[in-house]
Protein backbone atom coordinates (compact mmCIF):
# COMPACT_ATOMS: atom_id res chain seq x y z
CA MET A 1 -87.06 186.32 68.04
CA HIS A 2 -83.34 186.85 67.63
CA VAL A 3 -81.26 188.75 70.18
CA ILE A 4 -79.31 191.61 68.63
CA ASN A 5 -75.58 192.15 68.95
CA THR A 6 -75.62 195.92 69.40
CA THR A 7 -72.02 196.25 68.21
CA THR A 8 -72.73 194.75 64.79
CA GLY A 9 -76.46 195.48 64.61
CA HIS A 10 -77.04 191.84 63.66
CA PRO A 11 -78.56 188.93 65.61
CA LEU A 12 -76.34 186.98 67.95
CA THR A 13 -74.91 184.09 65.98
CA CYS A 14 -73.71 180.58 66.69
CA VAL A 15 -71.90 177.70 65.07
CA GLU A 16 -72.89 174.26 66.26
CA LEU A 17 -70.92 171.01 66.15
CA CYS A 18 -72.44 167.52 66.39
CA SER A 19 -75.92 168.98 66.02
CA GLY A 20 -77.69 165.62 65.94
CA ALA A 21 -81.46 165.90 65.60
CA GLY A 22 -81.46 169.54 66.66
CA GLY A 23 -82.26 169.56 70.37
CA GLN A 24 -79.53 172.07 71.20
CA SER A 25 -80.13 173.85 67.90
CA LEU A 26 -83.80 174.42 68.65
CA GLY A 27 -83.04 175.55 72.20
CA LEU A 28 -80.46 178.08 71.01
CA GLU A 29 -82.84 179.32 68.32
CA ARG A 30 -85.46 179.92 71.00
CA ALA A 31 -82.83 181.72 73.07
CA GLY A 32 -82.29 184.18 70.23
CA PHE A 33 -79.29 182.83 68.32
CA SER A 34 -79.08 182.68 64.54
CA HIS A 35 -77.14 179.71 63.14
CA LEU A 36 -74.23 180.35 60.79
CA ALA A 37 -73.42 176.65 60.45
CA LEU A 38 -74.50 173.31 61.91
CA ALA A 39 -72.10 170.38 61.49
CA GLU A 40 -73.33 166.81 61.76
CA ILE A 41 -71.95 163.58 60.29
CA ASP A 42 -75.07 161.38 60.43
CA THR A 43 -77.19 161.40 57.27
CA ASP A 44 -80.52 160.83 59.02
CA ALA A 45 -79.83 163.60 61.54
CA CYS A 46 -78.86 166.00 58.75
CA ASN A 47 -82.13 165.18 56.99
CA THR A 48 -84.01 165.82 60.24
CA LEU A 49 -82.39 169.25 60.58
CA ARG A 50 -83.11 170.18 56.96
CA THR A 51 -86.67 168.91 57.15
CA ASN A 52 -87.51 171.04 60.17
CA ARG A 53 -85.44 174.11 59.29
CA PRO A 54 -84.77 174.30 55.53
CA ASP A 55 -83.00 177.63 56.01
CA TRP A 56 -80.40 176.29 58.45
CA PRO A 57 -76.92 175.92 56.86
CA VAL A 58 -76.36 172.24 57.64
CA LEU A 59 -72.94 170.75 56.86
CA GLN A 60 -72.72 166.98 56.67
CA ALA A 61 -69.16 166.61 57.82
CA ASP A 62 -66.85 164.96 60.32
CA VAL A 63 -65.91 167.55 62.94
CA ARG A 64 -62.32 166.32 62.76
CA SER A 65 -62.16 167.17 59.07
CA LEU A 66 -63.53 170.64 59.82
CA ALA A 67 -60.83 171.06 62.47
CA ASP A 68 -58.22 170.18 59.85
CA ASP A 69 -59.69 172.05 56.89
CA GLY A 70 -61.47 174.91 58.64
CA LEU A 71 -65.07 176.04 58.86
CA PRO A 72 -66.69 177.77 55.87
CA PRO A 73 -66.17 181.55 55.64
CA ALA A 74 -69.83 182.12 56.56
CA ALA A 75 -69.06 180.87 60.07
CA ALA A 76 -66.60 183.67 60.80
CA GLY A 77 -67.53 186.07 63.56
CA ALA A 78 -69.87 183.73 65.44
CA ASP A 79 -70.68 184.85 68.97
CA LEU A 80 -71.08 181.29 70.26
CA LEU A 81 -69.60 177.89 69.46
CA ALA A 82 -71.88 175.13 70.77
CA ALA A 83 -71.31 171.39 70.65
CA GLY A 84 -72.86 168.17 71.83
CA VAL A 85 -69.76 166.02 71.42
CA PRO A 86 -70.27 162.22 71.56
CA CYS A 87 -71.09 160.82 74.99
CA PRO A 88 -69.83 157.19 74.80
CA PRO A 89 -66.23 158.06 75.79
CA PHE A 90 -67.55 159.21 79.19
CA SER A 91 -70.55 156.93 79.73
CA VAL A 92 -70.88 153.55 81.41
CA ALA A 93 -72.51 152.09 78.29
CA GLY A 94 -69.63 153.41 76.20
CA LEU A 95 -67.11 151.83 78.63
CA GLY A 96 -65.78 155.25 79.73
CA HIS A 97 -62.45 155.23 77.92
CA GLY A 98 -62.43 159.05 77.88
CA PRO A 99 -59.64 160.61 75.80
CA ASP A 100 -58.47 157.14 74.73
CA ASP A 101 -61.76 156.60 72.88
CA GLU A 102 -61.60 157.33 69.16
CA ARG A 103 -65.01 159.01 69.46
CA ASP A 104 -63.73 161.75 71.77
CA LEU A 105 -64.24 165.00 69.85
CA PHE A 106 -63.19 167.48 72.53
CA PRO A 107 -59.81 168.01 70.77
CA ALA A 108 -61.59 168.88 67.52
CA ALA A 109 -63.97 171.23 69.34
CA LEU A 110 -61.01 172.98 70.98
CA ALA A 111 -59.22 173.28 67.63
CA LEU A 112 -62.29 174.89 66.09
CA THR A 113 -62.60 177.22 69.07
CA ALA A 114 -59.05 178.37 68.38
CA GLN A 115 -59.92 178.96 64.73
CA LEU A 116 -63.25 180.68 65.28
CA ARG A 117 -62.50 182.61 68.49
CA PRO A 118 -66.16 183.04 69.49
CA ARG A 119 -67.02 185.07 72.57
CA ALA A 120 -68.56 182.03 74.24
CA VAL A 121 -68.37 178.23 74.10
CA LEU A 122 -71.07 175.77 75.22
CA ILE A 123 -70.45 172.01 75.33
CA GLU A 124 -72.86 169.35 76.61
CA ASN A 125 -72.15 165.74 77.58
CA VAL A 126 -73.16 162.96 79.98
CA ARG A 127 -72.77 163.35 83.73
CA GLY A 128 -70.02 160.73 83.65
CA LEU A 129 -67.66 163.42 82.39
CA LEU A 130 -67.88 165.01 85.85
CA GLN A 131 -66.57 161.90 87.62
CA GLN A 132 -63.35 162.19 89.57
CA ARG A 133 -61.52 159.90 87.16
CA PHE A 134 -61.96 162.50 84.42
CA ALA A 135 -60.88 165.43 86.62
CA LEU A 136 -57.48 165.71 84.93
CA TYR A 137 -59.10 165.64 81.50
CA ARG A 138 -61.54 168.40 82.45
CA ALA A 139 -58.62 170.39 83.83
CA ALA A 140 -56.75 169.92 80.55
CA ILE A 141 -59.77 171.19 78.62
CA SER A 142 -60.08 174.23 80.90
CA LYS A 143 -56.34 174.89 80.56
CA ALA A 144 -56.51 174.74 76.76
CA LEU A 145 -59.40 177.20 76.82
CA ALA A 146 -57.54 179.47 79.26
CA GLU A 147 -54.65 179.63 76.82
CA LEU A 148 -57.15 180.92 74.25
CA GLY A 149 -58.43 183.59 76.65
CA TYR A 150 -61.48 181.83 78.09
CA THR A 151 -62.51 180.85 81.60
CA ALA A 152 -64.53 177.64 81.79
CA GLU A 153 -67.09 176.46 84.32
CA TRP A 154 -68.68 173.03 84.60
CA ARG A 155 -72.12 172.32 86.02
CA LEU A 156 -74.50 169.37 86.35
CA LEU A 157 -78.03 170.27 85.24
CA PHE A 158 -81.12 168.06 85.42
CA ALA A 159 -83.58 168.28 82.54
CA SER A 160 -86.49 167.69 84.91
CA ASP A 161 -85.75 171.07 86.52
CA TYR A 162 -86.64 172.80 83.24
CA GLY A 163 -90.00 171.26 82.39
CA VAL A 164 -88.71 168.09 80.71
CA PRO A 165 -90.53 164.93 81.92
CA GLN A 166 -87.25 163.05 82.23
CA LEU A 167 -84.46 163.15 84.82
CA ARG A 168 -81.62 163.38 82.28
CA PRO A 169 -78.64 164.83 84.16
CA ARG A 170 -76.21 166.57 81.79
CA ALA A 171 -72.69 167.87 82.22
CA ILE A 172 -72.58 171.40 80.83
CA MET A 173 -69.44 173.43 80.18
CA VAL A 174 -69.68 177.15 79.57
CA ALA A 175 -66.54 179.07 78.63
CA LEU A 176 -66.52 182.83 78.21
CA GLN A 177 -63.87 185.36 77.44
CA VAL A 178 -62.30 186.36 80.74
CA ASP A 179 -63.94 189.79 80.82
CA LEU A 180 -67.42 188.27 80.42
CA LEU A 181 -67.53 185.36 82.85
CA TRP A 182 -68.02 187.49 85.97
CA ALA A 183 -71.53 188.40 84.80
CA PHE A 184 -72.64 184.89 83.84
CA ARG A 185 -75.21 183.14 86.04
CA TRP A 186 -76.33 179.58 85.52
CA PRO A 187 -80.07 179.27 84.86
CA LEU A 188 -82.19 178.60 87.91
CA PRO A 189 -84.62 175.67 87.87
CA GLY A 190 -87.89 176.57 86.23
CA PRO A 191 -91.21 177.18 88.03
CA THR A 192 -92.18 173.49 87.68
CA ALA A 193 -89.00 172.19 89.36
CA GLY A 194 -90.81 171.63 92.67
CA ARG A 195 -93.42 169.52 90.90
CA PRO A 196 -91.71 168.23 87.75
CA THR A 197 -93.71 167.26 84.72
CA THR A 198 -94.25 163.50 84.79
CA ALA A 199 -94.25 160.96 82.00
CA GLY A 200 -97.87 160.10 82.75
CA HIS A 201 -98.96 163.72 82.41
CA ALA A 202 -96.87 164.39 79.31
CA LEU A 203 -98.02 161.29 77.42
CA HIS A 204 -101.62 160.89 78.61
CA ALA A 205 -103.16 162.57 75.57
CA SER A 206 -101.23 160.46 73.08
CA MET A 207 -101.96 157.29 75.04
CA ALA A 208 -105.68 158.05 74.88
CA ALA A 209 -105.66 159.26 71.25
CA ALA A 210 -106.80 155.94 69.73
CA GLY A 211 -109.30 155.17 72.47
CA TRP A 212 -107.10 152.97 74.66
CA GLU A 213 -109.21 152.10 77.71
CA LEU A 214 -106.25 151.93 80.08
CA ALA A 215 -104.88 155.42 79.32
CA ASP A 216 -106.08 156.97 82.59
CA ALA A 217 -104.88 154.05 84.70
CA TRP A 218 -101.53 154.05 82.90
CA ALA A 219 -101.07 157.80 83.43
CA ARG A 220 -101.62 157.40 87.16
CA ARG A 221 -99.11 154.56 87.27
CA ALA A 222 -96.59 156.59 85.27
CA ASP A 223 -97.00 159.71 87.41
CA ARG A 224 -93.28 160.18 87.88
CA VAL A 225 -90.30 161.63 86.03
CA ALA A 226 -89.10 159.22 83.36
CA PRO A 227 -85.67 157.58 83.48
CA THR A 228 -82.96 158.99 81.25
CA LEU A 229 -83.38 157.91 77.64
CA CYS A 230 -80.40 156.29 75.96
CA GLY A 231 -79.63 156.87 72.31
CA GLY A 232 -76.56 154.72 72.02
CA SER A 233 -74.14 154.83 69.11
CA ARG A 234 -74.01 153.22 65.71
CA ARG A 235 -72.64 150.17 67.48
CA HIS A 236 -75.87 149.92 69.49
CA GLY A 237 -78.58 147.46 68.42
CA GLY A 238 -82.26 148.11 67.78
CA PRO A 239 -84.45 150.70 69.49
CA ASP A 240 -85.14 150.20 73.18
CA LEU A 241 -85.33 152.26 76.38
CA GLY A 242 -81.92 151.54 77.80
CA PRO A 243 -80.12 149.07 80.05
CA SER A 244 -81.75 146.62 82.44
CA ARG A 245 -81.87 149.00 85.41
CA ALA A 246 -83.76 151.58 83.37
CA ARG A 247 -86.07 148.93 81.99
CA SER A 248 -87.04 147.81 85.49
CA THR A 249 -88.04 151.40 86.26
CA TRP A 250 -90.01 151.58 83.04
CA ALA A 251 -91.71 148.29 83.94
CA ALA A 252 -92.86 149.78 87.25
CA MET A 253 -94.41 152.59 85.18
CA GLY A 254 -96.30 150.14 82.97
CA VAL A 255 -93.91 150.40 80.03
CA ASN A 256 -92.17 147.62 78.15
CA GLY A 257 -88.71 149.07 77.64
CA GLY A 258 -87.41 146.24 75.48
CA SER A 259 -88.62 147.71 72.19
CA VAL A 260 -90.42 150.66 70.64
CA ALA A 261 -93.87 150.71 69.05
CA GLU A 262 -94.93 152.04 65.66
CA ARG A 263 -98.18 153.56 66.98
CA PRO A 264 -99.84 154.48 70.29
CA PRO A 265 -101.78 151.72 72.10
CA GLN A 266 -105.04 150.63 70.53
CA PRO A 267 -108.31 149.53 72.18
CA GLY A 268 -107.84 146.16 73.85
CA ASP A 269 -104.05 146.43 74.17
CA PRO A 270 -102.81 145.15 77.55
CA LEU A 271 -100.17 146.51 79.91
CA PRO A 272 -97.25 146.96 79.81
CA VAL A 273 -97.39 149.33 76.85
CA ARG A 274 -94.58 150.23 74.44
CA LEU A 275 -93.74 153.82 73.65
CA THR A 276 -93.47 155.26 70.13
CA PRO A 277 -90.59 157.40 68.83
CA GLU A 278 -92.92 160.39 68.89
CA GLN A 279 -93.67 159.79 72.57
CA LEU A 280 -89.95 159.48 73.31
CA ALA A 281 -89.47 162.85 71.63
CA VAL A 282 -92.05 164.38 74.00
CA LEU A 283 -90.11 162.94 76.94
CA GLN A 284 -86.99 164.58 75.51
CA GLY A 285 -88.68 168.00 75.41
CA PHE A 286 -89.19 168.31 71.65
CA PRO A 287 -92.31 170.06 70.32
CA PRO A 288 -94.90 167.74 68.71
CA ASP A 289 -94.29 169.17 65.22
CA TRP A 290 -90.57 168.29 65.17
CA VAL A 291 -90.10 165.58 62.52
CA PHE A 292 -87.43 162.87 62.81
CA THR A 293 -86.31 161.14 59.62
CA GLY A 294 -84.96 157.66 58.97
CA THR A 295 -85.81 154.18 60.19
CA LYS A 296 -87.33 153.61 63.61
CA THR A 297 -83.91 152.72 64.97
CA ALA A 298 -82.39 155.87 63.47
CA ARG A 299 -85.18 158.08 64.83
CA CYS A 300 -84.91 156.62 68.33
CA ARG A 301 -81.14 157.04 68.29
CA GLN A 302 -81.48 160.69 67.30
CA ILE A 303 -84.04 161.32 70.02
CA GLY A 304 -82.16 159.46 72.74
CA ASN A 305 -78.90 161.27 72.01
CA ALA A 306 -80.44 164.75 71.94
CA PHE A 307 -79.85 167.65 74.30
CA PRO A 308 -83.37 168.56 75.54
CA PRO A 309 -84.38 171.84 73.88
CA PRO A 310 -85.71 173.45 77.11
CA VAL A 311 -82.35 172.97 78.85
CA ALA A 312 -80.40 174.30 75.87
CA GLU A 313 -82.77 177.25 75.78
CA ALA A 314 -82.31 178.01 79.48
CA VAL A 315 -78.50 178.04 79.21
CA GLY A 316 -78.65 179.81 75.86
CA ARG A 317 -80.77 182.64 77.24
CA ARG A 318 -78.23 183.31 79.98
CA LEU A 319 -75.45 183.37 77.39
CA ALA A 320 -77.48 185.64 75.11
CA GLU A 321 -78.04 188.08 77.97
CA ILE A 322 -74.31 188.31 78.66
CA LEU A 323 -73.30 188.60 75.02
CA ALA A 324 -75.93 191.21 74.21
CA ALA A 325 -75.10 193.25 77.32
CA SER A 326 -71.38 193.17 76.57
CA SER A 327 -72.08 194.27 73.00
CA ALA A 328 -74.05 197.22 74.33
CA THR A 329 -71.18 198.14 76.67
CA GLU A 330 -68.67 197.97 73.84
CA ALA A 331 -70.92 200.13 71.69
CA CYS A 332 -71.14 202.78 74.44
CA ARG A 333 -67.39 202.80 74.88
CA GLY A 334 -66.90 203.29 71.17
CA ALA A 335 -69.41 206.14 70.94
């Protein structure tokens, strides 16, 4: 159900940059936002978005070109600009070159914020962005937003606090027009935070679906929150579950993290087991009916790079509350 902007009488709206496979998109939809535009450069990800939501206005475009040429007229008046800008510039795997990395799209996101002038901005990235060595860059981003009339706050959120069976710490930036920020409250951990959903619990049914005799034993062994999935970039090789440290954790859980399977384990299959793209999507918080298009490598990359929908929903609901309430206040003042 969409949340209504009481000033316009229409649903709260958003424009999304670097939409990927739709993790943030789905979360914001659940939070009540209607999409005016979703920009994504990757063909497989665009096909995933269109397959799952044929009515979403998906633009296959480089965000830099949109910053230069402008968003389509239909995007005007959006309440929220959301973005999941590329993570490699701020990650260990991406060598952490920050603003010197050609993949850094914060400047383009800021340029589009200046063009669109939404009431709120939401940007998600890896926790590495919150390191001390990027403090000056974060300050520069906040300063640029302040010059546009926004106040920005940064926060580290863990996906496992919101029902996702994966640790997945994410750096979240929320920027609101100065007169709105005072009322914003970050979402509290969900009711399962004290006993997070584990990989064993989340995947037990799919592990047992084909009659695998070791499904129960595996679920007990994997009764812990999963390590953070890695999607990598186009420069990354085939599908796997991340670097060596993550793979050692997966191994302790009875999972071979060196590759990804085409189907769940079959009767007679030994441990360690390999996970399927569909199982990785469950660990990322996607619903079971969300379809990912492309090759196995492309699907795994989309899943691993996604913003877990439950986390996007939790932040989105807090933003929707503020934006809807401020619309109501403005409507009363104008009456």
